[in-house]
Protein backbone atom coordinates (compact mmCIF):
# COMPACT_ATOMS: atom_id res chain seq x y z
CA MET A 1 27.57 -58.68 19.19
CA ARG A 2 28.15 -58.43 15.43
CA SER A 3 24.73 -59.93 14.74
CA TRP A 4 23.04 -57.29 16.94
CA LYS A 5 24.87 -54.52 15.09
CA GLU A 6 23.58 -55.91 11.81
CA ILE A 7 20.02 -56.64 12.95
CA TYR A 8 19.59 -53.27 14.69
CA GLY A 9 22.01 -51.22 12.58
CA GLY A 10 19.25 -48.88 11.41
CA TYR A 11 19.67 -46.72 14.49
CA ALA A 12 23.10 -45.64 13.24
CA GLN A 13 21.79 -44.37 9.89
CA ARG A 14 19.89 -41.31 8.66
CA ALA A 15 17.63 -40.96 5.63
CA GLU A 16 19.76 -38.07 4.30
CA ASP A 17 22.77 -40.37 4.16
CA VAL A 18 20.88 -43.20 2.48
CA LEU A 19 19.22 -40.96 -0.14
CA VAL A 20 22.29 -38.83 -0.79
CA THR A 21 22.73 -39.85 -4.44
CA GLN A 22 20.07 -38.03 -6.46
CA PHE A 23 19.87 -37.42 -10.19
CA GLN A 24 18.21 -34.69 -12.24
CA ALA A 25 15.13 -35.90 -14.10
CA GLU A 26 13.42 -32.74 -15.35
CA GLN A 27 11.55 -34.54 -18.14
CA TYR A 28 10.33 -37.57 -16.16
CA ASP A 29 7.20 -37.08 -14.11
CA GLU A 30 5.61 -40.55 -14.16
CA MET A 31 5.52 -42.98 -11.25
CA VAL A 32 8.68 -44.75 -10.10
CA LEU A 33 7.82 -47.98 -8.28
CA LEU A 34 10.08 -50.52 -6.63
CA ARG A 35 8.15 -53.70 -5.87
CA ASP A 36 8.79 -56.72 -3.70
CA ILE A 37 11.49 -55.22 -1.46
CA GLU A 38 12.24 -58.03 0.94
CA PHE A 39 12.76 -56.89 4.53
CA PHE A 40 13.14 -58.31 8.03
CA SER A 41 12.31 -56.47 11.23
CA THR A 42 11.69 -57.11 14.92
CA CYS A 43 8.40 -56.37 16.66
CA GLU A 44 9.06 -54.04 19.57
CA HIS A 45 6.13 -55.51 21.53
CA HIS A 46 7.01 -59.20 21.37
CA MET A 47 10.67 -59.16 20.31
CA LEU A 48 9.76 -61.54 17.50
CA PRO A 49 10.48 -61.08 13.79
CA PHE A 50 8.16 -59.89 11.09
CA HIS A 51 9.07 -59.90 7.44
CA ARG A 52 7.89 -60.01 3.84
CA LYS A 53 7.70 -57.24 1.22
CA ALA A 54 7.52 -53.49 0.83
CA TYR A 55 6.39 -51.50 -2.19
CA ILE A 56 7.58 -47.90 -2.61
CA ALA A 57 6.47 -45.45 -5.29
CA TYR A 58 7.04 -41.76 -5.85
CA LEU A 59 6.23 -39.13 -8.45
CA PRO A 60 9.47 -37.26 -9.26
CA ASN A 61 9.71 -33.50 -8.93
CA ASN A 62 12.84 -32.90 -11.05
CA LYS A 63 14.89 -35.48 -9.07
CA ILE A 64 15.10 -39.25 -8.89
CA VAL A 65 17.05 -41.53 -6.62
CA GLY A 66 18.76 -44.84 -7.40
CA LEU A 67 16.46 -47.80 -6.87
CA SER A 68 18.84 -49.45 -4.44
CA LYS A 69 18.41 -46.40 -2.22
CA LEU A 70 14.72 -47.23 -1.76
CA ALA A 71 15.67 -50.72 -0.61
CA ARG A 72 18.33 -49.25 1.69
CA LEU A 73 15.80 -46.81 3.17
CA THR A 74 13.48 -49.74 3.87
CA ASP A 75 16.29 -51.69 5.55
CA MET A 76 17.36 -48.67 7.59
CA TYR A 77 13.97 -48.44 9.29
CA ALA A 78 13.34 -52.20 9.36
CA ARG A 79 16.61 -52.68 11.27
CA ARG A 80 15.14 -51.06 14.36
CA LEU A 81 12.65 -52.31 16.90
CA GLN A 82 9.42 -51.56 15.08
CA VAL A 83 5.72 -51.82 14.59
CA GLN A 84 4.64 -52.20 10.98
CA GLU A 85 2.49 -49.07 11.01
CA ARG A 86 5.42 -46.89 12.06
CA LEU A 87 7.78 -48.58 9.60
CA THR A 88 5.39 -47.75 6.74
CA TYR A 89 5.01 -44.14 7.89
CA GLN A 90 8.74 -43.57 8.42
CA ILE A 91 9.70 -44.81 4.96
CA ALA A 92 7.05 -42.62 3.30
CA THR A 93 7.60 -39.43 5.28
CA GLU A 94 11.38 -39.54 5.09
CA LEU A 95 11.36 -40.17 1.34
CA GLN A 96 8.97 -37.21 0.99
CA ARG A 97 11.09 -35.00 3.24
CA VAL A 98 14.46 -35.73 1.63
CA LEU A 99 13.60 -36.16 -2.07
CA LYS A 100 10.62 -33.75 -2.15
CA PRO A 101 8.67 -35.60 -4.85
CA LYS A 102 5.11 -34.74 -5.90
CA GLY A 103 3.88 -37.76 -3.96
CA VAL A 104 4.91 -40.94 -2.16
CA ALA A 105 3.11 -44.24 -1.68
CA VAL A 106 4.33 -47.05 0.55
CA MET A 107 2.64 -50.38 1.15
CA ILE A 108 4.00 -53.12 3.37
CA GLU A 109 2.74 -56.68 3.54
CA ALA A 110 4.17 -58.72 6.40
CA THR A 111 3.91 -61.97 8.28
CA HIS A 112 4.35 -61.56 12.03
CA GLN A 113 5.79 -64.37 14.11
CA CYS A 114 3.80 -63.14 17.11
CA MET A 115 0.66 -64.14 15.14
CA CYS A 116 2.14 -67.41 13.88
CA SER A 117 3.96 -68.88 16.86
CA ARG A 118 1.94 -67.72 19.87
CA GLY A 119 -1.47 -66.43 20.79
CA VAL A 120 -3.94 -67.11 17.97
CA ARG A 121 -1.33 -69.03 15.91
CA LYS A 122 -2.62 -67.99 12.49
CA ARG A 123 0.27 -68.88 10.20
CA GLY A 124 -1.22 -67.75 6.91
CA SER A 125 -2.18 -64.24 7.99
CA LYS A 126 -0.56 -61.15 6.51
CA MET A 127 -0.83 -57.59 7.72
CA VAL A 128 -1.00 -54.83 5.10
CA THR A 129 -0.30 -51.17 5.88
CA SER A 130 -0.04 -48.16 3.61
CA CYS A 131 0.94 -44.52 3.72
CA LEU A 132 -0.04 -42.17 0.90
CA LEU A 133 1.33 -38.64 0.66
CA GLY A 134 0.94 -35.75 -1.77
CA ALA A 135 -0.47 -36.69 -5.17
CA PHE A 136 -1.10 -40.30 -4.11
CA LYS A 137 -3.39 -39.13 -1.33
CA GLU A 138 -5.03 -36.29 -3.25
CA ASN A 139 -5.38 -37.86 -6.72
CA LEU A 140 -7.56 -40.94 -7.15
CA ALA A 141 -5.94 -41.81 -10.51
CA SER A 142 -2.42 -41.88 -9.00
CA ARG A 143 -3.59 -43.95 -6.05
CA THR A 144 -5.43 -46.39 -8.35
CA GLU A 145 -2.39 -46.76 -10.62
CA PHE A 146 -0.16 -47.50 -7.61
CA LEU A 147 -2.53 -50.15 -6.25
CA ALA A 148 -2.91 -51.77 -9.67
CA LEU A 149 0.87 -51.96 -10.18
CA VAL A 150 1.38 -53.41 -6.70
CA LYS A 151 -1.16 -56.17 -7.43
CA ALA A 152 0.17 -56.89 -10.94
């Protein structure tokens, strides 16, 4: 039972609680990016794991949040039965809602056991999803900078 509480513990958390510690950053308005956030989740369709890395960026609007909070936000949503598309969207929209930055960009790259161990059995495949909000969606330069830093 303890393992289930850990694996699916994201249902007991809220984004407001995870992102509670915020700091004033009036002078900083450049991109904040946390790369290579390792995560593990469970596919709600096949009840098999998917995992790999998430990348989260935001453009501060007078406030920043501790970097560990971005990893905790990722874990909160990953520790639920999920599909990767929803996981990407939830991380982005909740960060936007709670922190209210000028923009948010989230990219997730994952390997799905349902693709590796059954069906087509393509072990080397990776699924990539993204969600761009605010300045990252509206401004080509911001979007390009995010994508370049993710690939670096």
